[in-house]
Amino acid sequence: MEHGTFVAGVAAGNGYGSRGEYAGVAPDAEIISIKVMDNKGQGNTSDILAGMQWVVDNHKEFNIRVMSLSLGSETSSIVKNDPLAVAVGEVWKRGIVVVAAAGNSGPRQGTITTPGVNASIITVGAVDDKRTTDISDDEIAEFSSRGPALGGIVKPDVVAPGVDVVSLNTDKNYKSGQIPSVLKKKYITLSGTSVSTPIVSGLAVLMLEKNPDYTPNQIKKLFMENCHSISNDKYAEGSGIVDIGTIFKI
């Protein structure tokens, strides 16, 4: 599936097809792909919950430390009655860092999707970085969902680049058992909070590689305390854009 391959490349691609130019945030990090959506990006809540249950049941065997969720849907009126929001909270309690997309229903307020509405996990919004390294021209992407989440909770927690990000292409018509076709374009560009999410997930992986004893709460605190504000709206940016350079010095 194009979407899944793309976000995996953002998090952990080794950049082989571009001689390192388009490597992911945590190159060559081990990925366990749990397929819960069809090839059109649609799926049932029950399938997503089953995927989360598999992670909980197998996280010790496979040393799963981060669960990245580039998905979302409209939430129930009360978080405690929302199955996805409840489930990610339980995964978090197992010592697994959960990173979820804020959603692409901005700029209206109150549009954070589930499971990003859960107060415990790291919810990620999108930044338009104008393809420059200088954050002075950065803006919150118009499509990035805004808080507050249910109960008046400030969400997203942080933001990361999510406009015209380059990552892996894939054969949309590929079926298991076939020989993959040779792609004319090895890389494509996509936008969305689904793209911002694996950037933060990859950063969490790097921090856990450096400090394996960090808990999910410590990782979240570290990220939120090392951000640059690019907006006057806390419901658009949370704590701001994550300062990767500062975090790596800690």
Protein backbone atom coordinates (compact mmCIF):
# COMPACT_ATOMS: atom_id res chain seq x y z
CA MET A 1 0.00 0.00 0.00
CA GLU A 2 1.38 3.40 -1.00
CA HIS A 3 0.57 5.10 2.30
CA GLY A 4 2.11 2.45 4.55
CA THR A 5 5.30 2.17 2.51
CA PHE A 6 5.65 5.93 2.42
CA VAL A 7 5.33 6.47 6.17
CA ALA A 8 7.66 3.54 6.88
CA GLY A 9 10.25 5.24 4.70
CA VAL A 10 9.83 8.54 6.55
CA ALA A 11 10.49 6.78 9.85
CA ALA A 12 13.22 4.34 8.90
CA GLY A 13 14.15 4.35 5.21
CA ASN A 14 17.87 3.85 4.58
CA GLY A 15 17.98 6.12 1.54
CA TYR A 16 19.51 3.42 -0.66
CA GLY A 17 17.60 4.47 -3.78
CA SER A 18 18.78 8.09 -3.46
CA ARG A 19 22.32 7.49 -2.18
CA GLY A 20 21.27 8.70 1.22
CA GLU A 21 19.53 11.90 0.15
CA TYR A 22 16.09 10.73 1.23
CA ALA A 23 16.89 8.63 4.27
CA GLY A 24 14.35 8.39 7.08
CA VAL A 25 14.66 9.87 10.56
CA ALA A 26 15.92 6.59 12.05
CA PRO A 27 17.59 4.82 9.10
CA ASP A 28 17.41 1.03 9.18
CA ALA A 29 15.36 0.93 12.38
CA GLU A 30 13.56 -2.39 12.62
CA ILE A 31 9.93 -2.16 11.54
CA ILE A 32 7.11 -4.57 12.27
CA SER A 33 4.26 -3.73 9.93
CA ILE A 34 0.77 -4.49 11.22
CA LYS A 35 -1.66 -4.25 8.32
CA VAL A 36 -5.06 -3.03 9.53
CA MET A 37 -6.25 -1.15 6.43
CA ASP A 38 -7.13 -2.20 2.89
CA ASN A 39 -5.40 -0.89 -0.23
CA LYS A 40 -7.73 2.11 -0.26
CA GLY A 41 -6.75 3.16 3.24
CA GLN A 42 -10.04 2.05 4.76
CA GLY A 43 -10.56 -0.28 7.68
CA ASN A 44 -12.67 -1.24 10.65
CA THR A 45 -12.12 -0.23 14.24
CA SER A 46 -12.10 -3.91 15.17
CA ASP A 47 -9.15 -4.56 12.83
CA ILE A 48 -7.18 -1.65 14.28
CA LEU A 49 -7.88 -2.87 17.81
CA ALA A 50 -6.76 -6.36 16.83
CA GLY A 51 -3.51 -4.89 15.53
CA MET A 52 -2.94 -3.05 18.80
CA GLN A 53 -3.65 -6.21 20.73
CA TRP A 54 -1.04 -8.04 18.67
CA VAL A 55 1.50 -5.36 19.57
CA VAL A 56 0.68 -5.67 23.28
CA ASP A 57 0.89 -9.47 23.13
CA ASN A 58 4.22 -9.51 21.27
CA HIS A 59 6.05 -6.35 22.27
CA LYS A 60 8.47 -8.10 24.61
CA GLU A 61 9.37 -10.82 22.12
CA PHE A 62 10.08 -8.33 19.35
CA ASN A 63 11.25 -5.43 21.55
CA ILE A 64 8.56 -3.08 20.23
CA ARG A 65 9.14 0.30 21.84
CA VAL A 66 7.23 2.68 19.53
CA MET A 67 3.82 2.32 17.88
CA SER A 68 3.25 4.81 15.06
CA LEU A 69 -0.34 5.41 13.95
CA SER A 70 -0.81 7.38 10.75
CA LEU A 71 -4.57 6.99 10.89
CA GLY A 72 -7.60 8.54 12.51
CA SER A 73 -11.36 8.83 12.50
CA GLU A 74 -14.09 10.88 14.11
CA THR A 75 -14.25 10.27 17.82
CA SER A 76 -17.10 9.45 20.14
CA SER A 77 -18.53 12.21 22.32
CA ILE A 78 -16.69 10.91 25.38
CA VAL A 79 -13.08 9.69 25.24
CA LYS A 80 -13.67 6.88 27.74
CA ASN A 81 -16.29 5.48 25.37
CA ASP A 82 -14.03 5.67 22.32
CA PRO A 83 -12.45 2.24 21.74
CA LEU A 84 -9.38 3.49 19.86
CA ALA A 85 -8.64 6.20 22.43
CA VAL A 86 -8.99 3.71 25.28
CA ALA A 87 -6.83 1.14 23.50
CA VAL A 88 -3.86 3.43 22.88
CA GLY A 89 -3.95 4.41 26.53
CA GLU A 90 -3.52 0.76 27.47
CA VAL A 91 -0.67 0.34 24.98
CA TRP A 92 1.03 3.39 26.51
CA LYS A 93 0.74 1.86 29.97
CA ARG A 94 2.67 -1.18 28.69
CA GLY A 95 5.71 1.01 28.17
CA ILE A 96 5.24 1.56 24.43
CA VAL A 97 5.50 5.09 23.05
CA VAL A 98 2.36 5.75 21.00
CA VAL A 99 2.54 8.46 18.32
CA ALA A 100 -0.65 9.33 16.43
CA ALA A 101 -1.70 11.73 13.70
CA ALA A 102 -3.80 14.74 14.69
CA GLY A 103 -5.91 14.51 11.53
CA ASN A 104 -6.33 16.53 8.35
CA SER A 105 -9.55 18.43 9.08
CA GLY A 106 -8.09 21.85 9.87
CA PRO A 107 -8.16 24.73 10.21
CA ARG A 108 -11.38 24.28 12.18
CA GLN A 109 -10.96 23.83 15.92
CA GLY A 110 -12.06 20.68 17.68
CA THR A 111 -11.12 18.42 14.77
CA ILE A 112 -8.52 16.13 16.38
CA THR A 113 -9.22 12.56 15.33
CA THR A 114 -9.14 9.43 17.44
CA PRO A 115 -6.90 7.93 18.75
CA GLY A 116 -5.07 11.27 18.85
CA VAL A 117 -7.60 12.58 21.37
CA ASN A 118 -6.10 10.43 24.12
CA ALA A 119 -4.42 12.72 26.63
CA SER A 120 -1.48 10.41 27.36
CA ILE A 121 -0.09 9.69 23.91
CA ILE A 122 1.91 11.97 21.58
CA THR A 123 -0.37 13.56 18.98
CA VAL A 124 1.32 15.19 16.00
CA GLY A 125 0.16 18.06 13.82
CA ALA A 126 1.69 19.19 10.52
CA VAL A 127 3.97 22.08 9.61
CA ASP A 128 4.58 23.59 6.19
CA ASP A 129 8.33 24.19 6.36
CA LYS A 130 8.49 25.70 2.85
CA ARG A 131 11.28 23.21 2.15
CA THR A 132 13.84 25.28 4.04
CA THR A 133 15.89 24.52 7.15
CA ASP A 134 15.08 27.93 8.64
CA ILE A 135 12.02 27.66 10.90
CA SER A 136 11.32 31.40 10.64
CA ASP A 137 9.19 30.80 7.55
CA ASP A 138 7.40 27.75 8.97
CA GLU A 139 3.62 27.77 9.28
CA ILE A 140 1.07 25.34 10.64
CA ALA A 141 -0.36 23.51 7.63
CA GLU A 142 -3.90 24.67 6.95
CA PHE A 143 -5.18 21.08 6.79
CA SER A 144 -3.65 20.12 10.15
CA SER A 145 -6.43 19.39 12.66
CA ARG A 146 -6.76 21.73 15.60
CA GLY A 147 -7.67 21.16 19.21
CA PRO A 148 -8.95 21.25 21.74
CA ALA A 149 -9.60 17.54 22.01
CA LEU A 150 -12.59 16.28 23.94
CA GLY A 151 -12.59 17.57 27.51
CA GLY A 152 -10.72 20.74 26.55
CA ILE A 153 -7.37 18.95 26.30
CA VAL A 154 -4.64 20.80 24.41
CA LYS A 155 -3.87 18.83 21.26
CA PRO A 156 -1.79 18.31 19.19
CA ASP A 157 1.16 17.92 21.55
CA VAL A 158 3.81 18.80 18.97
CA VAL A 159 4.09 19.48 15.25
CA ALA A 160 6.54 18.32 12.57
CA PRO A 161 7.02 18.82 8.82
CA GLY A 162 4.09 17.43 6.88
CA VAL A 163 3.88 19.22 3.52
CA ASP A 164 5.53 17.84 0.36
CA VAL A 165 7.67 15.36 2.27
CA VAL A 166 9.67 12.94 0.09
CA SER A 167 9.66 9.22 0.79
CA LEU A 168 9.32 5.79 -0.80
CA ASN A 169 7.10 5.02 -3.75
CA THR A 170 5.49 1.62 -4.20
CA ASP A 171 3.73 -0.50 -6.79
CA LYS A 172 0.03 0.10 -6.16
CA ASN A 173 -0.90 -3.01 -8.16
CA TYR A 174 1.51 -5.36 -6.40
CA LYS A 175 0.04 -8.61 -5.12
CA SER A 176 1.69 -11.13 -2.84
CA GLY A 177 3.60 -13.77 -4.76
CA GLN A 178 4.32 -11.55 -7.74
CA ILE A 179 7.68 -10.14 -8.73
CA PRO A 180 7.52 -6.39 -7.98
CA SER A 181 7.66 -4.17 -11.01
CA VAL A 182 10.53 -1.77 -11.58
CA LEU A 183 9.29 1.64 -10.50
CA LYS A 184 9.97 4.63 -12.73
CA LYS A 185 9.91 6.87 -9.66
CA LYS A 186 11.59 5.56 -6.53
CA TYR A 187 10.32 8.46 -4.44
CA ILE A 188 7.16 10.56 -4.28
CA THR A 189 5.91 13.47 -2.20
CA LEU A 190 2.91 13.41 0.11
CA SER A 191 1.38 15.76 2.67
CA GLY A 192 -0.62 15.23 5.84
CA THR A 193 -0.33 14.66 9.56
CA SER A 194 0.20 11.02 8.60
CA VAL A 195 3.55 12.19 7.24
CA SER A 196 4.41 14.25 10.33
CA THR A 197 3.70 11.31 12.63
CA PRO A 198 6.53 8.97 11.51
CA ILE A 199 9.00 11.86 11.79
CA VAL A 200 8.26 12.07 15.51
CA SER A 201 8.10 8.28 15.78
CA GLY A 202 11.55 7.99 14.22
CA LEU A 203 12.87 10.55 16.67
CA ALA A 204 11.42 8.53 19.56
CA VAL A 205 13.24 5.46 18.25
CA LEU A 206 16.55 7.33 18.19
CA MET A 207 16.05 8.60 21.73
CA LEU A 208 15.24 5.12 22.98
CA GLU A 209 18.32 3.77 21.23
CA LYS A 210 20.36 6.35 23.11
CA ASN A 211 18.48 5.94 26.41
CA PRO A 212 16.75 2.52 26.49
CA ASP A 213 15.40 3.10 29.99
CA TYR A 214 13.26 6.09 29.03
CA THR A 215 9.56 5.63 29.66
CA PRO A 216 6.86 6.90 27.28
CA ASN A 217 6.12 9.76 29.67
CA GLN A 218 9.79 10.77 29.72
CA ILE A 219 9.97 10.74 25.93
CA LYS A 220 6.85 12.88 25.64
CA LYS A 221 8.11 15.34 28.27
CA LEU A 222 11.47 15.57 26.51
CA PHE A 223 9.85 16.38 23.19
CA MET A 224 7.39 18.93 24.54
CA GLU A 225 10.07 20.77 26.53
CA ASN A 226 12.31 21.12 23.49
CA CYS A 227 10.13 22.81 20.88
CA HIS A 228 10.05 26.10 19.02
CA SER A 229 6.75 27.95 18.87
CA ILE A 230 5.77 29.03 15.37
CA SER A 231 2.16 29.99 16.10
CA ASN A 232 0.22 31.90 18.70
CA ASP A 233 -2.39 29.15 18.76
CA LYS A 234 -1.70 26.34 21.22
CA TYR A 235 -4.53 24.33 19.70
CA ALA A 236 -2.72 24.40 16.37
CA GLU A 237 0.84 23.63 17.46
CA GLY A 238 0.73 22.31 21.01
CA SER A 239 4.24 22.96 22.33
CA GLY A 240 5.53 23.74 18.84
CA ILE A 241 7.86 22.13 16.33
CA VAL A 242 10.22 19.58 17.85
CA ASP A 243 13.84 20.80 18.06
CA ILE A 244 15.71 17.71 16.99
CA GLY A 245 19.13 19.31 17.38
CA THR A 246 18.57 20.22 21.03
CA ILE A 247 17.10 16.82 21.88
CA PHE A 248 20.11 14.98 20.49
CA LYS A 249 22.41 16.97 22.75
CA ILE A 250 20.58 15.81 25.88
